[in-house]
PDB file of all heavy atoms in Angstrom:
ATOM      1  N   THR A   1     -11.444   8.812 -16.128  1.00  0.00           N
ATOM      2  CA  THR A   1     -12.066   7.485 -16.126  1.00  0.00           C
ATOM      3  C   THR A   1     -11.019   6.385 -16.071  1.00  0.00           C
ATOM      4  O   THR A   1     -11.136   5.415 -15.300  1.00  0.00           O
ATOM      5  CB  THR A   1     -12.936   7.301 -17.388  1.00  0.00           C
ATOM      6  OG1 THR A   1     -13.951   8.316 -17.418  1.00  0.00           O
ATOM      7  CG2 THR A   1     -13.595   5.928 -17.384  1.00  0.00           C
ATOM      8  N   LYS A   2      -9.960   6.536 -16.854  1.00  0.00           N
ATOM      9  CA  LYS A   2      -8.885   5.546 -16.836  1.00  0.00           C
ATOM     10  C   LYS A   2      -8.196   5.532 -15.477  1.00  0.00           C
ATOM     11  O   LYS A   2      -7.758   4.484 -15.001  1.00  0.00           O
ATOM     12  CB  LYS A   2      -7.874   5.861 -17.939  1.00  0.00           C
ATOM     13  CG  LYS A   2      -8.409   5.675 -19.352  1.00  0.00           C
ATOM     14  CD  LYS A   2      -7.334   5.978 -20.383  1.00  0.00           C
ATOM     15  CE  LYS A   2      -7.880   5.772 -21.803  1.00  0.00           C
ATOM     16  NZ  LYS A   2      -6.849   6.086 -22.830  1.00  0.00           N
ATOM     17  N   ARG A   3      -8.128   6.698 -14.854  1.00  0.00           N
ATOM     18  CA  ARG A   3      -7.498   6.791 -13.541  1.00  0.00           C
ATOM     19  C   ARG A   3      -8.269   5.985 -12.506  1.00  0.00           C
ATOM     20  O   ARG A   3      -7.683   5.292 -11.667  1.00  0.00           O
ATOM     21  CB  ARG A   3      -7.420   8.263 -13.114  1.00  0.00           C
ATOM     22  CG  ARG A   3      -6.662   8.511 -11.817  1.00  0.00           C
ATOM     23  CD  ARG A   3      -5.218   8.155 -11.952  1.00  0.00           C
ATOM     24  NE  ARG A   3      -4.470   8.446 -10.741  1.00  0.00           N
ATOM     25  CZ  ARG A   3      -3.266   7.956 -10.491  1.00  0.00           C
ATOM     26  NH1 ARG A   3      -2.681   7.173 -11.353  1.00  0.00           N
ATOM     27  NH2 ARG A   3      -2.636   8.261  -9.364  1.00  0.00           N
ATOM     28  N   LEU A   4      -9.595   6.037 -12.546  1.00  0.00           N
ATOM     29  CA  LEU A   4     -10.408   5.268 -11.605  1.00  0.00           C
ATOM     30  C   LEU A   4     -10.172   3.771 -11.767  1.00  0.00           C
ATOM     31  O   LEU A   4     -10.116   3.024 -10.783  1.00  0.00           O
ATOM     32  CB  LEU A   4     -11.889   5.582 -11.802  1.00  0.00           C
ATOM     33  CG  LEU A   4     -12.474   6.752 -11.007  1.00  0.00           C
ATOM     34  CD1 LEU A   4     -13.957   6.879 -11.289  1.00  0.00           C
ATOM     35  CD2 LEU A   4     -12.229   6.590  -9.512  1.00  0.00           C
ATOM     36  N   LYS A   5     -10.022   3.323 -12.996  1.00  0.00           N
ATOM     37  CA  LYS A   5      -9.766   1.902 -13.244  1.00  0.00           C
ATOM     38  C   LYS A   5      -8.421   1.487 -12.642  1.00  0.00           C
ATOM     39  O   LYS A   5      -8.282   0.394 -12.100  1.00  0.00           O
ATOM     40  CB  LYS A   5      -9.811   1.619 -14.738  1.00  0.00           C
ATOM     41  CG  LYS A   5     -11.203   1.786 -15.357  1.00  0.00           C
ATOM     42  CD  LYS A   5     -11.178   1.513 -16.857  1.00  0.00           C
ATOM     43  CE  LYS A   5     -12.575   1.678 -17.455  1.00  0.00           C
ATOM     44  NZ  LYS A   5     -12.584   1.451 -18.923  1.00  0.00           N
ATOM     45  N   LYS A   6      -7.434   2.379 -12.755  1.00  0.00           N
ATOM     46  CA  LYS A   6      -6.128   2.095 -12.156  1.00  0.00           C
ATOM     47  C   LYS A   6      -6.242   2.039 -10.636  1.00  0.00           C
ATOM     48  O   LYS A   6      -5.625   1.192  -9.982  1.00  0.00           O
ATOM     49  CB  LYS A   6      -5.113   3.167 -12.560  1.00  0.00           C
ATOM     50  CG  LYS A   6      -4.631   3.079 -13.989  1.00  0.00           C
ATOM     51  CD  LYS A   6      -3.710   1.886 -14.188  1.00  0.00           C
ATOM     52  CE  LYS A   6      -3.164   1.854 -15.596  1.00  0.00           C
ATOM     53  NZ  LYS A   6      -2.305   0.675 -15.852  1.00  0.00           N
ATOM     54  N   MET A   7      -7.035   2.944 -10.063  1.00  0.00           N
ATOM     55  CA  MET A   7      -7.206   2.958  -8.616  1.00  0.00           C
ATOM     56  C   MET A   7      -7.840   1.664  -8.126  1.00  0.00           C
ATOM     57  O   MET A   7      -7.493   1.149  -7.067  1.00  0.00           O
ATOM     58  CB  MET A   7      -8.086   4.151  -8.206  1.00  0.00           C
ATOM     59  CG  MET A   7      -7.465   5.529  -8.417  1.00  0.00           C
ATOM     60  SD  MET A   7      -5.944   5.779  -7.473  1.00  0.00           S
ATOM     61  CE  MET A   7      -4.732   5.381  -8.728  1.00  0.00           C
ATOM     62  N   ASP A   8      -8.765   1.127  -8.914  1.00  0.00           N
ATOM     63  CA  ASP A   8      -9.407  -0.124  -8.543  1.00  0.00           C
ATOM     64  C   ASP A   8      -8.378  -1.254  -8.496  1.00  0.00           C
ATOM     65  O   ASP A   8      -8.366  -2.072  -7.565  1.00  0.00           O
ATOM     66  CB  ASP A   8     -10.508  -0.455  -9.547  1.00  0.00           C
ATOM     67  CG  ASP A   8     -11.337  -1.650  -9.118  1.00  0.00           C
ATOM     68  OD1 ASP A   8     -12.024  -1.558  -8.085  1.00  0.00           O
ATOM     69  OD2 ASP A   8     -11.292  -2.679  -9.809  1.00  0.00           O
ATOM     70  N   LYS A   9      -7.477  -1.292  -9.470  1.00  0.00           N
ATOM     71  CA  LYS A   9      -6.447  -2.330  -9.516  1.00  0.00           C
ATOM     72  C   LYS A   9      -5.419  -2.133  -8.392  1.00  0.00           C
ATOM     73  O   LYS A   9      -4.938  -3.103  -7.806  1.00  0.00           O
ATOM     74  CB  LYS A   9      -5.760  -2.317 -10.876  1.00  0.00           C
ATOM     75  CG  LYS A   9      -6.662  -2.774 -12.020  1.00  0.00           C
ATOM     76  CD  LYS A   9      -5.926  -2.746 -13.348  1.00  0.00           C
ATOM     77  CE  LYS A   9      -6.836  -3.217 -14.472  1.00  0.00           C
ATOM     78  NZ  LYS A   9      -6.148  -3.165 -15.795  1.00  0.00           N
ATOM     79  N   ILE A  10      -5.087  -0.875  -8.105  1.00  0.00           N
ATOM     80  CA  ILE A  10      -4.147  -0.594  -7.016  1.00  0.00           C
ATOM     81  C   ILE A  10      -4.725  -1.074  -5.689  1.00  0.00           C
ATOM     82  O   ILE A  10      -4.037  -1.679  -4.864  1.00  0.00           O
ATOM     83  CB  ILE A  10      -3.819   0.913  -6.955  1.00  0.00           C
ATOM     84  CG1 ILE A  10      -2.935   1.305  -8.150  1.00  0.00           C
ATOM     85  CG2 ILE A  10      -3.103   1.263  -5.647  1.00  0.00           C
ATOM     86  CD1 ILE A  10      -2.698   2.802  -8.290  1.00  0.00           C
ATOM     87  N   GLY A  11      -6.019  -0.798  -5.479  1.00  0.00           N
ATOM     88  CA  GLY A  11      -6.676  -1.253  -4.254  1.00  0.00           C
ATOM     89  C   GLY A  11      -6.654  -2.765  -4.110  1.00  0.00           C
ATOM     90  O   GLY A  11      -6.464  -3.295  -3.011  1.00  0.00           O
ATOM     91  N   LYS A  12      -6.829  -3.473  -5.213  1.00  0.00           N
ATOM     92  CA  LYS A  12      -6.810  -4.934  -5.179  1.00  0.00           C
ATOM     93  C   LYS A  12      -5.392  -5.463  -4.926  1.00  0.00           C
ATOM     94  O   LYS A  12      -5.216  -6.522  -4.322  1.00  0.00           O
ATOM     95  CB  LYS A  12      -7.347  -5.488  -6.491  1.00  0.00           C
ATOM     96  CG  LYS A  12      -8.837  -5.275  -6.692  1.00  0.00           C
ATOM     97  CD  LYS A  12      -9.279  -5.783  -8.057  1.00  0.00           C
ATOM     98  CE  LYS A  12     -10.781  -5.575  -8.253  1.00  0.00           C
ATOM     99  NZ  LYS A  12     -11.237  -6.002  -9.595  1.00  0.00           N
ATOM    100  N   ASN A  13      -4.391  -4.736  -5.402  1.00  0.00           N
ATOM    101  CA  ASN A  13      -3.003  -5.178  -5.241  1.00  0.00           C
ATOM    102  C   ASN A  13      -2.447  -4.923  -3.844  1.00  0.00           C
ATOM    103  O   ASN A  13      -1.561  -5.635  -3.383  1.00  0.00           O
ATOM    104  CB  ASN A  13      -2.097  -4.476  -6.258  1.00  0.00           C
ATOM    105  CG  ASN A  13      -2.177  -5.104  -7.630  1.00  0.00           C
ATOM    106  OD1 ASN A  13      -2.714  -6.189  -7.800  1.00  0.00           O
ATOM    107  ND2 ASN A  13      -1.644  -4.420  -8.630  1.00  0.00           N
ATOM    108  N   ALA A  14      -2.950  -3.882  -3.163  1.00  0.00           N
ATOM    109  CA  ALA A  14      -2.400  -3.507  -1.861  1.00  0.00           C
ATOM    110  C   ALA A  14      -2.604  -4.612  -0.834  1.00  0.00           C
ATOM    111  O   ALA A  14      -3.633  -5.287  -0.819  1.00  0.00           O
ATOM    112  CB  ALA A  14      -3.051  -2.223  -1.374  1.00  0.00           C
ATOM    113  N   MET A  15      -1.617  -4.803   0.024  1.00  0.00           N
ATOM    114  CA  MET A  15      -1.717  -5.830   1.068  1.00  0.00           C
ATOM    115  C   MET A  15      -2.589  -5.381   2.232  1.00  0.00           C
ATOM    116  O   MET A  15      -2.988  -6.184   3.077  1.00  0.00           O
ATOM    117  CB  MET A  15      -0.327  -6.201   1.586  1.00  0.00           C
ATOM    118  CG  MET A  15       0.403  -5.088   2.314  1.00  0.00           C
ATOM    119  SD  MET A  15       1.941  -5.645   3.085  1.00  0.00           S
ATOM    120  CE  MET A  15       1.307  -6.639   4.425  1.00  0.00           C
ATOM    121  N   GLY A  16      -2.876  -4.064   2.312  1.00  0.00           N
ATOM    122  CA  GLY A  16      -3.705  -3.556   3.383  1.00  0.00           C
ATOM    123  C   GLY A  16      -3.746  -2.049   3.397  1.00  0.00           C
ATOM    124  O   GLY A  16      -3.071  -1.386   2.611  1.00  0.00           O
ATOM    125  N   VAL A  17      -4.563  -1.503   4.280  1.00  0.00           N
ATOM    126  CA  VAL A  17      -4.696  -0.053   4.461  1.00  0.00           C
ATOM    127  C   VAL A  17      -4.004   0.318   5.762  1.00  0.00           C
ATOM    128  O   VAL A  17      -4.316  -0.241   6.815  1.00  0.00           O
ATOM    129  CB  VAL A  17      -6.177   0.371   4.496  1.00  0.00           C
ATOM    130  CG1 VAL A  17      -6.294   1.872   4.734  1.00  0.00           C
ATOM    131  CG2 VAL A  17      -6.880  -0.025   3.198  1.00  0.00           C
ATOM    132  N   MET A  18      -3.077   1.257   5.701  1.00  0.00           N
ATOM    133  CA  MET A  18      -2.266   1.563   6.878  1.00  0.00           C
ATOM    134  C   MET A  18      -1.792   3.011   6.840  1.00  0.00           C
ATOM    135  O   MET A  18      -1.427   3.535   5.785  1.00  0.00           O
ATOM    136  CB  MET A  18      -1.044   0.626   6.900  1.00  0.00           C
ATOM    137  CG  MET A  18      -0.331   0.531   8.216  1.00  0.00           C
ATOM    138  SD  MET A  18       0.999  -0.720   8.113  1.00  0.00           S
ATOM    139  CE  MET A  18       0.081  -2.180   7.646  1.00  0.00           C
ATOM    140  N   ARG A  19      -1.799   3.665   7.987  1.00  0.00           N
ATOM    141  CA  ARG A  19      -1.257   5.022   8.076  1.00  0.00           C
ATOM    142  C   ARG A  19       0.247   5.012   7.847  1.00  0.00           C
ATOM    143  O   ARG A  19       0.904   3.977   7.957  1.00  0.00           O
ATOM    144  CB  ARG A  19      -1.591   5.631   9.439  1.00  0.00           C
ATOM    145  CG  ARG A  19      -3.070   5.928   9.628  1.00  0.00           C
ATOM    146  CD  ARG A  19      -3.384   6.473  11.013  1.00  0.00           C
ATOM    147  NE  ARG A  19      -4.783   6.832  11.122  1.00  0.00           N
ATOM    148  CZ  ARG A  19      -5.282   8.030  10.802  1.00  0.00           C
ATOM    149  NH1 ARG A  19      -4.473   8.977  10.377  1.00  0.00           N
ATOM    150  NH2 ARG A  19      -6.565   8.275  10.923  1.00  0.00           N
ATOM    151  N   PHE A  20       0.782   6.191   7.536  1.00  0.00           N
ATOM    152  CA  PHE A  20       2.185   6.282   7.134  1.00  0.00           C
ATOM    153  C   PHE A  20       3.156   5.741   8.183  1.00  0.00           C
ATOM    154  O   PHE A  20       4.033   4.938   7.876  1.00  0.00           O
ATOM    155  CB  PHE A  20       2.546   7.737   6.817  1.00  0.00           C
ATOM    156  CG  PHE A  20       1.907   8.272   5.567  1.00  0.00           C
ATOM    157  CD1 PHE A  20       1.727   9.643   5.403  1.00  0.00           C
ATOM    158  CD2 PHE A  20       1.493   7.431   4.551  1.00  0.00           C
ATOM    159  CE1 PHE A  20       1.151  10.144   4.244  1.00  0.00           C
ATOM    160  CE2 PHE A  20       0.901   7.922   3.395  1.00  0.00           C
ATOM    161  CZ  PHE A  20       0.734   9.290   3.245  1.00  0.00           C
ATOM    162  N   GLN A  21       3.029   6.195   9.435  1.00  0.00           N
ATOM    163  CA  GLN A  21       4.023   5.812  10.434  1.00  0.00           C
ATOM    164  C   GLN A  21       4.039   4.306  10.720  1.00  0.00           C
ATOM    165  O   GLN A  21       5.109   3.690  10.746  1.00  0.00           O
ATOM    166  CB  GLN A  21       3.819   6.595  11.735  1.00  0.00           C
ATOM    167  CG  GLN A  21       4.972   6.439  12.736  1.00  0.00           C
ATOM    168  CD  GLN A  21       6.307   6.869  12.156  1.00  0.00           C
ATOM    169  OE1 GLN A  21       6.448   7.973  11.656  1.00  0.00           O
ATOM    170  NE2 GLN A  21       7.315   5.999  12.232  1.00  0.00           N
ATOM    171  N   PRO A  22       2.882   3.664  10.930  1.00  0.00           N
ATOM    172  CA  PRO A  22       2.912   2.211  11.120  1.00  0.00           C
ATOM    173  C   PRO A  22       3.496   1.484   9.906  1.00  0.00           C
ATOM    174  O   PRO A  22       4.232   0.511  10.060  1.00  0.00           O
ATOM    175  CB  PRO A  22       1.437   1.856  11.339  1.00  0.00           C
ATOM    176  CG  PRO A  22       0.819   3.103  11.862  1.00  0.00           C
ATOM    177  CD  PRO A  22       1.530   4.214  11.148  1.00  0.00           C
ATOM    178  N   ALA A  23       3.172   1.975   8.706  1.00  0.00           N
ATOM    179  CA  ALA A  23       3.714   1.355   7.493  1.00  0.00           C
ATOM    180  C   ALA A  23       5.227   1.489   7.455  1.00  0.00           C
ATOM    181  O   ALA A  23       5.948   0.533   7.138  1.00  0.00           O
ATOM    182  CB  ALA A  23       3.092   1.992   6.257  1.00  0.00           C
ATOM    183  N   LEU A  24       5.720   2.669   7.799  1.00  0.00           N
ATOM    184  CA  LEU A  24       7.165   2.893   7.812  1.00  0.00           C
ATOM    185  C   LEU A  24       7.847   1.979   8.825  1.00  0.00           C
ATOM    186  O   LEU A  24       8.897   1.380   8.545  1.00  0.00           O
ATOM    187  CB  LEU A  24       7.457   4.362   8.134  1.00  0.00           C
ATOM    188  CG  LEU A  24       8.929   4.775   8.161  1.00  0.00           C
ATOM    189  CD1 LEU A  24       9.556   4.618   6.776  1.00  0.00           C
ATOM    190  CD2 LEU A  24       9.051   6.233   8.624  1.00  0.00           C
ATOM    191  N   ASN A  25       7.264   1.857  10.012  1.00  0.00           N
ATOM    192  CA  ASN A  25       7.839   0.986  11.048  1.00  0.00           C
ATOM    193  C   ASN A  25       7.930  -0.461  10.568  1.00  0.00           C
ATOM    194  O   ASN A  25       8.935  -1.150  10.792  1.00  0.00           O
ATOM    195  CB  ASN A  25       6.984   1.048  12.322  1.00  0.00           C
ATOM    196  CG  ASN A  25       7.048   2.388  13.008  1.00  0.00           C
ATOM    197  OD1 ASN A  25       7.956   3.180  12.766  1.00  0.00           O
ATOM    198  ND2 ASN A  25       6.086   2.675  13.863  1.00  0.00           N
ATOM    199  N   ARG A  26       6.912  -0.924   9.891  1.00  0.00           N
ATOM    200  CA  ARG A  26       6.890  -2.311   9.443  1.00  0.00           C
ATOM    201  C   ARG A  26       7.828  -2.537   8.265  1.00  0.00           C
ATOM    202  O   ARG A  26       8.353  -3.648   8.089  1.00  0.00           O
ATOM    203  CB  ARG A  26       5.455  -2.721   9.110  1.00  0.00           C
ATOM    204  CG  ARG A  26       4.567  -2.780  10.366  1.00  0.00           C
ATOM    205  CD  ARG A  26       3.154  -3.143  10.065  1.00  0.00           C
ATOM    206  NE  ARG A  26       3.040  -4.515   9.571  1.00  0.00           N
ATOM    207  CZ  ARG A  26       1.876  -5.094   9.308  1.00  0.00           C
ATOM    208  NH1 ARG A  26       0.731  -4.439   9.533  1.00  0.00           N
ATOM    209  NH2 ARG A  26       1.836  -6.334   8.841  1.00  0.00           N
ATOM    210  N   ILE A  27       8.062  -1.496   7.469  1.00  0.00           N
ATOM    211  CA  ILE A  27       9.065  -1.602   6.405  1.00  0.00           C
ATOM    212  C   ILE A  27      10.454  -1.751   7.021  1.00  0.00           C
ATOM    213  O   ILE A  27      11.265  -2.575   6.589  1.00  0.00           O
ATOM    214  CB  ILE A  27       9.007  -0.368   5.484  1.00  0.00           C
ATOM    215  CG1 ILE A  27       7.754  -0.429   4.607  1.00  0.00           C
ATOM    216  CG2 ILE A  27      10.254  -0.270   4.604  1.00  0.00           C
ATOM    217  CD1 ILE A  27       7.522   0.805   3.778  1.00  0.00           C
ATOM    218  N   LEU A  28      10.737  -0.962   8.045  1.00  0.00           N
ATOM    219  CA  LEU A  28      12.025  -1.058   8.733  1.00  0.00           C
ATOM    220  C   LEU A  28      12.200  -2.415   9.404  1.00  0.00           C
ATOM    221  O   LEU A  28      13.324  -2.909   9.537  1.00  0.00           O
ATOM    222  CB  LEU A  28      12.153   0.067   9.761  1.00  0.00           C
ATOM    223  CG  LEU A  28      12.311   1.479   9.181  1.00  0.00           C
ATOM    224  CD1 LEU A  28      12.131   2.531  10.273  1.00  0.00           C
ATOM    225  CD2 LEU A  28      13.671   1.634   8.504  1.00  0.00           C
ATOM    226  N   LEU A  29      11.087  -3.036   9.825  1.00  0.00           N
ATOM    227  CA  LEU A  29      11.130  -4.360  10.450  1.00  0.00           C
ATOM    228  C   LEU A  29      11.146  -5.481   9.401  1.00  0.00           C
ATOM    229  O   LEU A  29      11.126  -6.654   9.760  1.00  0.00           O
ATOM    230  CB  LEU A  29       9.919  -4.538  11.373  1.00  0.00           C
ATOM    231  CG  LEU A  29       9.920  -3.695  12.652  1.00  0.00           C
ATOM    232  CD1 LEU A  29       8.578  -3.799  13.365  1.00  0.00           C
ATOM    233  CD2 LEU A  29      11.050  -4.122  13.575  1.00  0.00           C
ATOM    234  N   LYS A  30      11.149  -5.089   8.121  1.00  0.00           N
ATOM    235  CA  LYS A  30      11.202  -6.041   7.000  1.00  0.00           C
ATOM    236  C   LYS A  30       9.945  -6.902   6.871  1.00  0.00           C
ATOM    237  O   LYS A  30       9.992  -8.014   6.353  1.00  0.00           O
ATOM    238  CB  LYS A  30      12.429  -6.947   7.108  1.00  0.00           C
ATOM    239  CG  LYS A  30      13.757  -6.224   7.099  1.00  0.00           C
ATOM    240  CD  LYS A  30      14.908  -7.209   7.151  1.00  0.00           C
ATOM    241  CE  LYS A  30      16.241  -6.492   7.190  1.00  0.00           C
ATOM    242  NZ  LYS A  30      17.394  -7.440   7.211  1.00  0.00           N
ATOM    243  N   GLU A  31       8.806  -6.354   7.337  1.00  0.00           N
ATOM    244  CA  GLU A  31       7.563  -7.103   7.189  1.00  0.00           C
ATOM    245  C   GLU A  31       7.023  -6.999   5.775  1.00  0.00           C
ATOM    246  O   GLU A  31       6.282  -7.870   5.323  1.00  0.00           O
ATOM    247  CB  GLU A  31       6.538  -6.625   8.211  1.00  0.00           C
ATOM    248  CG  GLU A  31       6.937  -6.947   9.645  1.00  0.00           C
ATOM    249  CD  GLU A  31       5.869  -6.577  10.647  1.00  0.00           C
ATOM    250  OE1 GLU A  31       4.725  -6.308  10.226  1.00  0.00           O
ATOM    251  OE2 GLU A  31       6.171  -6.564  11.845  1.00  0.00           O
ATOM    252  N   PHE A  32       7.318  -5.917   5.091  1.00  0.00           N
ATOM    253  CA  PHE A  32       7.054  -5.792   3.664  1.00  0.00           C
ATOM    254  C   PHE A  32       8.024  -4.768   3.091  1.00  0.00           C
ATOM    255  O   PHE A  32       8.755  -4.113   3.827  1.00  0.00           O
ATOM    256  CB  PHE A  32       5.593  -5.443   3.361  1.00  0.00           C
ATOM    257  CG  PHE A  32       5.077  -4.222   4.062  1.00  0.00           C
ATOM    258  CD1 PHE A  32       5.163  -2.972   3.464  1.00  0.00           C
ATOM    259  CD2 PHE A  32       4.473  -4.322   5.305  1.00  0.00           C
ATOM    260  CE1 PHE A  32       4.669  -1.851   4.096  1.00  0.00           C
ATOM    261  CE2 PHE A  32       3.969  -3.194   5.950  1.00  0.00           C
ATOM    262  CZ  PHE A  32       4.076  -1.955   5.344  1.00  0.00           C
ATOM    263  N   ALA A  33       8.048  -4.665   1.771  1.00  0.00           N
ATOM    264  CA  ALA A  33       9.159  -3.962   1.117  1.00  0.00           C
ATOM    265  C   ALA A  33       9.001  -2.456   0.979  1.00  0.00           C
ATOM    266  O   ALA A  33       9.962  -1.708   1.177  1.00  0.00           O
ATOM    267  CB  ALA A  33       9.404  -4.573  -0.263  1.00  0.00           C
ATOM    268  N   TYR A  34       7.803  -1.968   0.662  1.00  0.00           N
ATOM    269  CA  TYR A  34       7.699  -0.541   0.350  1.00  0.00           C
ATOM    270  C   TYR A  34       6.278  -0.020   0.464  1.00  0.00           C
ATOM    271  O   TYR A  34       5.317  -0.794   0.533  1.00  0.00           O
ATOM    272  CB  TYR A  34       8.231  -0.252  -1.059  1.00  0.00           C
ATOM    273  CG  TYR A  34       7.778  -1.229  -2.131  1.00  0.00           C
ATOM    274  CD1 TYR A  34       6.537  -1.123  -2.753  1.00  0.00           C
ATOM    275  CD2 TYR A  34       8.615  -2.256  -2.535  1.00  0.00           C
ATOM    276  CE1 TYR A  34       6.147  -2.004  -3.740  1.00  0.00           C
ATOM    277  CE2 TYR A  34       8.239  -3.163  -3.519  1.00  0.00           C
ATOM    278  CZ  TYR A  34       6.988  -3.026  -4.124  1.00  0.00           C
ATOM    279  OH  TYR A  34       6.603  -3.925  -5.090  1.00  0.00           O
ATOM    280  N   THR A  35       6.166   1.313   0.463  1.00  0.00           N
ATOM    281  CA  THR A  35       4.861   1.960   0.475  1.00  0.00           C
ATOM    282  C   THR A  35       4.990   3.364  -0.097  1.00  0.00           C
ATOM    283  O   THR A  35       6.079   3.938  -0.165  1.00  0.00           O
ATOM    284  CB  THR A  35       4.276   2.014   1.898  1.00  0.00           C
ATOM    285  OG1 THR A  35       2.878   2.307   1.831  1.00  0.00           O
ATOM    286  CG2 THR A  35       4.962   3.076   2.741  1.00  0.00           C
TER     287      THR A  35
END
């Protein structure tokens, strides 16, 4: 139950939903810091 609450907060904090490779490419381009 506590885990679900954390997942809700993580979802609100995320800047977006993205597959691994596009996210990695954008990290290398310095569009955001980490994933």
